[in-house]
Amino acid sequence: MSNERQQRAARAEQMRKEREKASRRQRNLISVAIVVVVVGLIALGTWAVKSESDRNATNKELVAPAATTDDYGVVYDAAAAGAELADDAPKPVEVVVYEDFQCPACQAFESANGAFLDKAVGDGPITVEYRPIAFLDRASTTEYSTRSANAALCVLEDSGVTTFKAMHDLLFANQPAEGSAGLANDDLVAMAGQAGAGEIETCVRKRTYGPWLADATDASRDAGVSATPTVLVAGDEVEGAGGGSPSTAELQAAIEKAAA
């Protein structure tokens, strides 16, 4: 083989080796890129799962909603009803209602007496302190008593007593059947918007006031409340005929007696 041929063969071999080296380098870069992408996707997936888990994690810490009383109540008064009482108006009679948003008897009580109570609050003779409790979680498959009451308290925290009352009324108007799953969280958030509240989705999903409601439920038992609705007028329990919920006439009589 001539010297020139040897040189050409050597150059060709060198070029072949360089191509193989470049090809290996390219394959290595592609492999590294694939590993980086896979690791990134895994990290992103892990972050997304953790973020979703954190987003839906149920709150375990005690958080008291604003505008609640030491007795776990929400006071609905003339100001919240949009009314203005005269300076010399008599002190309103205090009406307390223990209720559970999953309770059919509570819904019946509100249906029968809600309009009367609203008018009496606006006219000034009474204030109503709603004390939501959650003792009927067993009556749904998703602890609806706690979830619905928590949603109402999320509205209270976000938008105040007037909007809480609107949410309160909507929850009873749309009460699900006992034993069902109850309204979904998305439905509760949409209902809150209908009542006039702002963004409360996180509060609803996390059940921010779940521990507070558990304490409220325990406090109601300590106070001797064994059924809902339980209605107090000026501190005295008012029962209807036969021990049921009081009628409008019975409530009115108790209020007039307390005001006398």
C-alpha atoms as a PDB file:
ATOM      1  CA  MET A   1       0.000   0.000   0.000  1.00  0.00           C
ATOM      2  CA  SER A   2       1.426   3.348  -0.973  1.00  0.00           C
ATOM      3  CA  ASN A   3       2.092   6.003   1.615  1.00  0.00           C
ATOM      4  CA  GLU A   4      -0.721   8.155   0.215  1.00  0.00           C
ATOM      5  CA  ARG A   5      -3.206   5.309   0.565  1.00  0.00           C
ATOM      6  CA  GLN A   6      -2.050   4.680   4.117  1.00  0.00           C
ATOM      7  CA  GLN A   7      -2.578   8.326   4.973  1.00  0.00           C
ATOM      8  CA  ARG A   8      -6.088   8.309   3.450  1.00  0.00           C
ATOM      9  CA  ALA A   9      -6.952   5.141   5.366  1.00  0.00           C
ATOM     10  CA  ALA A  10      -5.631   6.659   8.596  1.00  0.00           C
ATOM     11  CA  ARG A  11      -7.661   9.831   8.061  1.00  0.00           C
ATOM     12  CA  ALA A  12     -10.783   7.772   7.341  1.00  0.00           C
ATOM     13  CA  GLU A  13     -10.227   5.736  10.488  1.00  0.00           C
ATOM     14  CA  GLN A  14      -9.703   8.891  12.507  1.00  0.00           C
ATOM     15  CA  MET A  15     -12.892  10.382  11.098  1.00  0.00           C
ATOM     16  CA  ARG A  16     -14.786   7.179  11.905  1.00  0.00           C
ATOM     17  CA  LYS A  17     -13.542   7.275  15.480  1.00  0.00           C
ATOM     18  CA  GLU A  18     -14.493  10.945  15.814  1.00  0.00           C
ATOM     19  CA  ARG A  19     -17.994  10.203  14.449  1.00  0.00           C
ATOM     20  CA  GLU A  20     -18.387   7.364  16.934  1.00  0.00           C
ATOM     21  CA  LYS A  21     -17.156   9.596  19.724  1.00  0.00           C
ATOM     22  CA  ALA A  22     -19.593  12.350  18.722  1.00  0.00           C
ATOM     23  CA  SER A  23     -22.386   9.803  18.455  1.00  0.00           C
ATOM     24  CA  ARG A  24     -21.616   8.483  21.964  1.00  0.00           C
ATOM     25  CA  ARG A  25     -21.495  12.029  23.297  1.00  0.00           C
ATOM     26  CA  GLN A  26     -24.876  12.786  21.703  1.00  0.00           C
ATOM     27  CA  ARG A  27     -26.375   9.576  23.111  1.00  0.00           C
ATOM     28  CA  ASN A  28     -25.026  10.451  26.550  1.00  0.00           C
ATOM     29  CA  LEU A  29     -26.488  13.958  26.337  1.00  0.00           C
ATOM     30  CA  ILE A  30     -29.857  12.553  25.282  1.00  0.00           C
ATOM     31  CA  SER A  31     -29.771  10.054  28.149  1.00  0.00           C
ATOM     32  CA  VAL A  32     -28.931  12.781  30.649  1.00  0.00           C
ATOM     33  CA  ALA A  33     -31.714  14.964  29.253  1.00  0.00           C
ATOM     34  CA  ILE A  34     -34.205  12.093  29.537  1.00  0.00           C
ATOM     35  CA  VAL A  35     -33.146  11.447  33.133  1.00  0.00           C
ATOM     36  CA  VAL A  36     -33.495  15.156  33.954  1.00  0.00           C
ATOM     37  CA  VAL A  37     -36.959  15.282  32.385  1.00  0.00           C
ATOM     38  CA  VAL A  38     -38.089  12.120  34.179  1.00  0.00           C
ATOM     39  CA  VAL A  39     -36.773  13.358  37.519  1.00  0.00           C
ATOM     40  CA  GLY A  40     -38.463  16.707  36.907  1.00  0.00           C
ATOM     41  CA  LEU A  41     -41.779  15.047  36.074  1.00  0.00           C
ATOM     42  CA  ILE A  42     -41.552  12.880  39.174  1.00  0.00           C
ATOM     43  CA  ALA A  43     -40.791  15.934  41.314  1.00  0.00           C
ATOM     44  CA  LEU A  44     -43.626  17.869  39.697  1.00  0.00           C
ATOM     45  CA  GLY A  45     -46.030  14.977  40.243  1.00  0.00           C
ATOM     46  CA  THR A  46     -44.962  14.644  43.865  1.00  0.00           C
ATOM     47  CA  TRP A  47     -45.405  18.379  44.399  1.00  0.00           C
ATOM     48  CA  ALA A  48     -48.822  18.317  42.738  1.00  0.00           C
ATOM     49  CA  VAL A  49     -49.978  15.382  44.864  1.00  0.00           C
ATOM     50  CA  LYS A  50     -48.677  17.037  48.027  1.00  0.00           C
ATOM     51  CA  SER A  51     -50.249  20.371  47.069  1.00  0.00           C
ATOM     52  CA  GLU A  52     -53.611  18.715  46.443  1.00  0.00           C
ATOM     53  CA  SER A  53     -53.292  16.782  49.691  1.00  0.00           C
ATOM     54  CA  ASP A  54     -52.438  19.971  51.594  1.00  0.00           C
ATOM     55  CA  ARG A  55     -55.310  21.763  49.861  1.00  0.00           C
ATOM     56  CA  ASN A  56     -57.814  19.188  51.041  1.00  0.00           C
ATOM     57  CA  ALA A  57     -56.271  18.329  54.420  1.00  0.00           C
ATOM     58  CA  THR A  58     -58.793  18.660  57.221  1.00  0.00           C
ATOM     59  CA  ASN A  59     -57.855  21.255  59.802  1.00  0.00           C
ATOM     60  CA  LYS A  60     -57.099  19.850  63.261  1.00  0.00           C
ATOM     61  CA  GLU A  61     -56.373  23.096  65.097  1.00  0.00           C
ATOM     62  CA  LEU A  62     -59.009  25.064  67.010  1.00  0.00           C
ATOM     63  CA  VAL A  63     -59.930  28.212  65.110  1.00  0.00           C
ATOM     64  CA  ALA A  64     -62.757  30.413  66.392  1.00  0.00           C
ATOM     65  CA  PRO A  65     -64.719  32.256  63.702  1.00  0.00           C
ATOM     66  CA  ALA A  66     -65.137  36.001  64.098  1.00  0.00           C
ATOM     67  CA  ALA A  67     -68.397  37.439  65.393  1.00  0.00           C
ATOM     68  CA  THR A  68     -69.291  34.410  67.514  1.00  0.00           C
ATOM     69  CA  THR A  69     -70.227  34.454  71.180  1.00  0.00           C
ATOM     70  CA  ASP A  70     -68.553  32.620  74.046  1.00  0.00           C
ATOM     71  CA  ASP A  71     -71.515  30.237  73.889  1.00  0.00           C
ATOM     72  CA  TYR A  72     -70.745  29.275  70.273  1.00  0.00           C
ATOM     73  CA  GLY A  73     -73.496  31.397  68.785  1.00  0.00           C
ATOM     74  CA  VAL A  74     -74.023  33.911  66.010  1.00  0.00           C
ATOM     75  CA  VAL A  75     -76.254  36.833  66.997  1.00  0.00           C
ATOM     76  CA  TYR A  76     -78.648  38.066  64.333  1.00  0.00           C
ATOM     77  CA  ASP A  77     -79.963  41.477  65.390  1.00  0.00           C
ATOM     78  CA  ALA A  78     -81.742  44.469  63.920  1.00  0.00           C
ATOM     79  CA  ALA A  79     -78.523  45.940  62.526  1.00  0.00           C
ATOM     80  CA  ALA A  80     -77.705  42.693  60.717  1.00  0.00           C
ATOM     81  CA  ALA A  81     -81.268  42.654  59.409  1.00  0.00           C
ATOM     82  CA  GLY A  82     -80.779  46.135  57.958  1.00  0.00           C
ATOM     83  CA  ALA A  83     -83.103  47.825  60.458  1.00  0.00           C
ATOM     84  CA  GLU A  84     -82.465  50.789  62.734  1.00  0.00           C
ATOM     85  CA  LEU A  85     -84.046  50.880  66.175  1.00  0.00           C
ATOM     86  CA  ALA A  86     -85.059  54.033  67.978  1.00  0.00           C
ATOM     87  CA  ASP A  87     -82.791  55.172  70.788  1.00  0.00           C
ATOM     88  CA  ASP A  88     -85.576  54.608  73.318  1.00  0.00           C
ATOM     89  CA  ALA A  89     -86.489  51.153  72.007  1.00  0.00           C
ATOM     90  CA  PRO A  90     -86.753  48.506  74.737  1.00  0.00           C
ATOM     91  CA  LYS A  91     -83.994  45.956  75.089  1.00  0.00           C
ATOM     92  CA  PRO A  92     -84.715  43.073  72.714  1.00  0.00           C
ATOM     93  CA  VAL A  93     -85.656  39.676  74.119  1.00  0.00           C
ATOM     94  CA  GLU A  94     -82.903  37.145  73.495  1.00  0.00           C
ATOM     95  CA  VAL A  95     -83.953  34.053  71.557  1.00  0.00           C
ATOM     96  CA  VAL A  96     -81.478  31.180  71.226  1.00  0.00           C
ATOM     97  CA  VAL A  97     -81.862  28.406  68.665  1.00  0.00           C
ATOM     98  CA  TYR A  98     -79.695  25.277  68.746  1.00  0.00           C
ATOM     99  CA  GLU A  99     -79.850  23.675  65.316  1.00  0.00           C
ATOM    100  CA  ASP A 100     -78.152  21.225  62.980  1.00  0.00           C
ATOM    101  CA  PHE A 101     -78.277  21.855  59.227  1.00  0.00           C
ATOM    102  CA  GLN A 102     -78.874  18.126  58.648  1.00  0.00           C
ATOM    103  CA  CYS A 103     -81.832  18.056  61.072  1.00  0.00           C
ATOM    104  CA  PRO A 104     -85.274  17.726  59.369  1.00  0.00           C
ATOM    105  CA  ALA A 105     -87.040  19.049  62.493  1.00  0.00           C
ATOM    106  CA  CYS A 106     -84.829  22.147  62.338  1.00  0.00           C
ATOM    107  CA  GLN A 107     -85.781  22.648  58.712  1.00  0.00           C
ATOM    108  CA  ALA A 108     -89.460  22.316  59.655  1.00  0.00           C
ATOM    109  CA  PHE A 109     -88.986  24.823  62.488  1.00  0.00           C
ATOM    110  CA  GLU A 110     -87.319  27.334  60.161  1.00  0.00           C
ATOM    111  CA  SER A 111     -89.990  26.826  57.518  1.00  0.00           C
ATOM    112  CA  ALA A 112     -92.754  27.442  60.050  1.00  0.00           C
ATOM    113  CA  ASN A 113     -91.151  30.211  62.112  1.00  0.00           C
ATOM    114  CA  GLY A 114     -88.354  31.775  60.072  1.00  0.00           C
ATOM    115  CA  ALA A 115     -90.450  34.589  58.627  1.00  0.00           C
ATOM    116  CA  PHE A 116     -91.855  35.459  62.061  1.00  0.00           C
ATOM    117  CA  LEU A 117     -88.395  35.521  63.651  1.00  0.00           C
ATOM    118  CA  ASP A 118     -86.967  37.626  60.817  1.00  0.00           C
ATOM    119  CA  LYS A 119     -89.744  40.196  61.182  1.00  0.00           C
ATOM    120  CA  ALA A 120     -89.395  40.253  64.969  1.00  0.00           C
ATOM    121  CA  VAL A 121     -85.655  40.871  64.631  1.00  0.00           C
ATOM    122  CA  GLY A 122     -86.207  43.679  62.130  1.00  0.00           C
ATOM    123  CA  ASP A 123     -88.917  45.275  64.265  1.00  0.00           C
ATOM    124  CA  GLY A 124     -86.703  45.131  67.325  1.00  0.00           C
ATOM    125  CA  PRO A 125     -88.476  42.977  69.909  1.00  0.00           C
ATOM    126  CA  ILE A 126     -85.894  40.180  69.692  1.00  0.00           C
ATOM    127  CA  THR A 127     -82.419  39.082  68.739  1.00  0.00           C
ATOM    128  CA  VAL A 128     -81.807  35.519  67.582  1.00  0.00           C
ATOM    129  CA  GLU A 129     -78.624  33.733  68.526  1.00  0.00           C
ATOM    130  CA  TYR A 130     -78.125  30.782  66.216  1.00  0.00           C
ATOM    131  CA  ARG A 131     -75.973  28.062  67.760  1.00  0.00           C
ATOM    132  CA  PRO A 132     -75.035  25.615  65.002  1.00  0.00           C
ATOM    133  CA  ILE A 133     -73.984  22.177  66.174  1.00  0.00           C
ATOM    134  CA  ALA A 134     -73.016  18.976  64.363  1.00  0.00           C
ATOM    135  CA  PHE A 135     -74.415  15.980  66.181  1.00  0.00           C
ATOM    136  CA  LEU A 136     -75.976  14.401  63.075  1.00  0.00           C
ATOM    137  CA  ASP A 137     -72.794  13.592  61.157  1.00  0.00           C
ATOM    138  CA  ARG A 138     -73.878   9.971  61.409  1.00  0.00           C
ATOM    139  CA  ALA A 139     -76.985  10.840  59.365  1.00  0.00           C
ATOM    140  CA  SER A 140     -74.908  11.317  56.205  1.00  0.00           C
ATOM    141  CA  THR A 141     -72.045   9.470  54.561  1.00  0.00           C
ATOM    142  CA  THR A 142     -69.776  12.539  54.438  1.00  0.00           C
ATOM    143  CA  GLU A 143     -70.227  14.212  57.844  1.00  0.00           C
ATOM    144  CA  TYR A 144     -72.559  16.731  56.253  1.00  0.00           C
ATOM    145  CA  SER A 145     -73.565  18.306  59.572  1.00  0.00           C
ATOM    146  CA  THR A 146     -70.005  19.438  60.150  1.00  0.00           C
ATOM    147  CA  ARG A 147     -69.356  20.366  56.527  1.00  0.00           C
ATOM    148  CA  SER A 148     -72.501  22.471  56.165  1.00  0.00           C
ATOM    149  CA  ALA A 149     -72.094  24.269  59.493  1.00  0.00           C
ATOM    150  CA  ASN A 150     -68.436  24.879  58.686  1.00  0.00           C
ATOM    151  CA  ALA A 151     -69.447  26.410  55.352  1.00  0.00           C
ATOM    152  CA  ALA A 152     -71.857  28.754  57.140  1.00  0.00           C
ATOM    153  CA  LEU A 153     -69.071  29.810  59.511  1.00  0.00           C
ATOM    154  CA  CYS A 154     -66.702  30.327  56.563  1.00  0.00           C
ATOM    155  CA  VAL A 155     -69.315  32.734  55.179  1.00  0.00           C
ATOM    156  CA  LEU A 156     -69.576  34.451  58.573  1.00  0.00           C
ATOM    157  CA  GLU A 157     -65.815  34.942  58.720  1.00  0.00           C
ATOM    158  CA  ASP A 158     -65.668  36.188  55.145  1.00  0.00           C
ATOM    159  CA  SER A 159     -68.727  38.419  54.933  1.00  0.00           C
ATOM    160  CA  GLY A 160     -70.368  38.925  58.334  1.00  0.00           C
ATOM    161  CA  VAL A 161     -73.636  38.097  60.059  1.00  0.00           C
ATOM    162  CA  THR A 162     -76.030  39.306  57.345  1.00  0.00           C
ATOM    163  CA  THR A 163     -74.486  37.002  54.750  1.00  0.00           C
ATOM    164  CA  PHE A 164     -74.268  34.189  57.307  1.00  0.00           C
ATOM    165  CA  LYS A 165     -78.031  34.481  57.768  1.00  0.00           C
ATOM    166  CA  ALA A 166     -78.568  34.258  54.011  1.00  0.00           C
ATOM    167  CA  MET A 167     -76.372  31.138  53.921  1.00  0.00           C
ATOM    168  CA  HIS A 168     -78.208  29.748  56.948  1.00  0.00           C
ATOM    169  CA  ASP A 169     -81.536  30.079  55.120  1.00  0.00           C
ATOM    170  CA  LEU A 170     -80.175  28.557  51.908  1.00  0.00           C
ATOM    171  CA  LEU A 171     -78.779  25.543  53.742  1.00  0.00           C
ATOM    172  CA  PHE A 172     -82.174  24.748  55.231  1.00  0.00           C
ATOM    173  CA  ALA A 173     -83.959  25.427  51.941  1.00  0.00           C
ATOM    174  CA  ASN A 174     -81.634  22.937  50.232  1.00  0.00           C
ATOM    175  CA  GLN A 175     -81.300  20.395  53.032  1.00  0.00           C
ATOM    176  CA  PRO A 176     -80.350  16.943  51.666  1.00  0.00           C
ATOM    177  CA  ALA A 177     -82.077  13.735  52.699  1.00  0.00           C
ATOM    178  CA  GLU A 178     -80.860  11.951  55.806  1.00  0.00           C
ATOM    179  CA  GLY A 179     -78.526   9.074  54.995  1.00  0.00           C
ATOM    180  CA  SER A 180     -77.310  10.693  51.780  1.00  0.00           C
ATOM    181  CA  ALA A 181     -73.892  12.118  51.027  1.00  0.00           C
ATOM    182  CA  GLY A 182     -75.282  15.619  51.412  1.00  0.00           C
ATOM    183  CA  LEU A 183     -74.275  18.534  49.246  1.00  0.00           C
ATOM    184  CA  ALA A 184     -70.766  18.383  47.793  1.00  0.00           C
ATOM    185  CA  ASN A 185     -68.169  20.945  48.827  1.00  0.00           C
ATOM    186  CA  ASP A 186     -68.404  22.563  45.402  1.00  0.00           C
ATOM    187  CA  ASP A 187     -72.150  22.984  45.934  1.00  0.00           C
ATOM    188  CA  LEU A 188     -71.562  24.585  49.328  1.00  0.00           C
ATOM    189  CA  VAL A 189     -69.051  27.009  47.810  1.00  0.00           C
ATOM    190  CA  ALA A 190     -71.507  27.905  45.045  1.00  0.00           C
ATOM    191  CA  MET A 191     -74.269  28.394  47.619  1.00  0.00           C
ATOM    192  CA  ALA A 192     -72.011  30.710  49.614  1.00  0.00           C
ATOM    193  CA  GLY A 193     -71.519  32.792  46.493  1.00  0.00           C
ATOM    194  CA  GLN A 194     -75.286  32.903  46.048  1.00  0.00           C
ATOM    195  CA  ALA A 195     -75.587  34.163  49.632  1.00  0.00           C
ATOM    196  CA  GLY A 196     -73.140  36.950  48.851  1.00  0.00           C
ATOM    197  CA  ALA A 197     -69.860  35.612  50.246  1.00  0.00           C
ATOM    198  CA  GLY A 198     -66.462  35.906  48.600  1.00  0.00           C
ATOM    199  CA  GLU A 199     -63.905  33.165  48.054  1.00  0.00           C
ATOM    200  CA  ILE A 200     -64.265  30.499  50.760  1.00  0.00           C
ATOM    201  CA  GLU A 201     -63.277  27.327  48.876  1.00  0.00           C
ATOM    202  CA  THR A 202     -60.159  26.651  50.960  1.00  0.00           C
ATOM    203  CA  CYS A 203     -62.071  27.201  54.196  1.00  0.00           C
ATOM    204  CA  VAL A 204     -64.774  24.756  53.081  1.00  0.00           C
ATOM    205  CA  ARG A 205     -62.378  22.065  51.860  1.00  0.00           C
ATOM    206  CA  LYS A 206     -60.181  22.247  54.936  1.00  0.00           C
ATOM    207  CA  ARG A 207     -63.156  22.354  57.345  1.00  0.00           C
ATOM    208  CA  THR A 208     -61.416  25.221  59.081  1.00  0.00           C
ATOM    209  CA  TYR A 209     -63.975  25.382  61.894  1.00  0.00           C
ATOM    210  CA  GLY A 210     -64.449  21.642  62.393  1.00  0.00           C
ATOM    211  CA  PRO A 211     -62.707  21.562  65.806  1.00  0.00           C
ATOM    212  CA  TRP A 212     -64.693  24.626  66.923  1.00  0.00           C
ATOM    213  CA  LEU A 213     -67.935  22.888  65.911  1.00  0.00           C
ATOM    214  CA  ALA A 214     -66.912  19.791  67.853  1.00  0.00           C
ATOM    215  CA  ASP A 215     -66.459  21.980  70.929  1.00  0.00           C
ATOM    216  CA  ALA A 216     -69.804  23.702  70.236  1.00  0.00           C
ATOM    217  CA  THR A 217     -71.523  20.321  70.025  1.00  0.00           C
ATOM    218  CA  ASP A 218     -69.939  19.203  73.303  1.00  0.00           C
ATOM    219  CA  ALA A 219     -70.963  22.489  74.935  1.00  0.00           C
ATOM    220  CA  SER A 220     -74.569  21.974  73.826  1.00  0.00           C
ATOM    221  CA  ARG A 221     -74.638  18.571  75.512  1.00  0.00           C
ATOM    222  CA  ASP A 222     -73.152  20.092  78.664  1.00  0.00           C
ATOM    223  CA  ALA A 223     -75.975  22.660  78.534  1.00  0.00           C
ATOM    224  CA  GLY A 224     -78.552  19.873  78.503  1.00  0.00           C
ATOM    225  CA  VAL A 225     -79.456  20.077  74.820  1.00  0.00           C
ATOM    226  CA  SER A 226     -80.514  16.595  73.734  1.00  0.00           C
ATOM    227  CA  ALA A 227     -82.366  17.383  70.503  1.00  0.00           C
ATOM    228  CA  THR A 228     -82.595  19.988  67.798  1.00  0.00           C
ATOM    229  CA  PRO A 229     -84.086  22.418  67.441  1.00  0.00           C
ATOM    230  CA  THR A 230     -83.895  23.532  71.049  1.00  0.00           C
ATOM    231  CA  VAL A 231     -85.279  27.035  71.523  1.00  0.00           C
ATOM    232  CA  LEU A 232     -84.703  29.318  74.490  1.00  0.00           C
ATOM    233  CA  VAL A 233     -86.509  32.608  75.079  1.00  0.00           C
ATOM    234  CA  ALA A 234     -84.888  34.809  77.703  1.00  0.00           C
ATOM    235  CA  GLY A 235     -83.042  31.735  78.959  1.00  0.00           C
ATOM    236  CA  ASP A 236     -86.089  29.475  79.293  1.00  0.00           C
ATOM    237  CA  GLU A 237     -86.685  26.561  76.965  1.00  0.00           C
ATOM    238  CA  VAL A 238     -89.854  26.809  74.903  1.00  0.00           C
ATOM    239  CA  GLU A 239     -91.475  23.589  73.731  1.00  0.00           C
ATOM    240  CA  GLY A 240     -94.455  23.006  71.548  1.00  0.00           C
ATOM    241  CA  ALA A 241     -97.515  20.959  72.361  1.00  0.00           C
ATOM    242  CA  GLY A 242     -96.495  17.392  73.119  1.00  0.00           C
ATOM    243  CA  GLY A 243     -92.859  18.344  73.563  1.00  0.00           C
ATOM    244  CA  GLY A 244     -92.176  19.164  69.910  1.00  0.00           C
ATOM    245  CA  SER A 245     -90.836  22.352  68.389  1.00  0.00           C
ATOM    246  CA  PRO A 246     -92.755  25.498  69.365  1.00  0.00           C
ATOM    247  CA  SER A 247     -95.223  27.005  66.940  1.00  0.00           C
ATOM    248  CA  THR A 248     -95.185  30.654  65.946  1.00  0.00           C
ATOM    249  CA  ALA A 249     -98.005  31.370  68.407  1.00  0.00           C
ATOM    250  CA  GLU A 250     -96.097  29.664  71.231  1.00  0.00           C
ATOM    251  CA  LEU A 251     -92.937  31.570  70.380  1.00  0.00           C
ATOM    252  CA  GLN A 252     -94.809  34.858  70.253  1.00  0.00           C
ATOM    253  CA  ALA A 253     -96.443  34.187  73.615  1.00  0.00           C
ATOM    254  CA  ALA A 254     -93.083  33.370  75.219  1.00  0.00           C
ATOM    255  CA  ILE A 255     -91.491  36.520  73.744  1.00  0.00           C
ATOM    256  CA  GLU A 256     -94.354  38.746  74.906  1.00  0.00           C
ATOM    257  CA  LYS A 257     -94.158  37.229  78.370  1.00  0.00           C
ATOM    258  CA  ALA A 258     -90.400  37.810  78.550  1.00  0.00           C
ATOM    259  CA  ALA A 259     -90.806  41.398  77.347  1.00  0.00           C
ATOM    260  CA  ALA A 260     -93.546  42.239  79.862  1.00  0.00           C
END
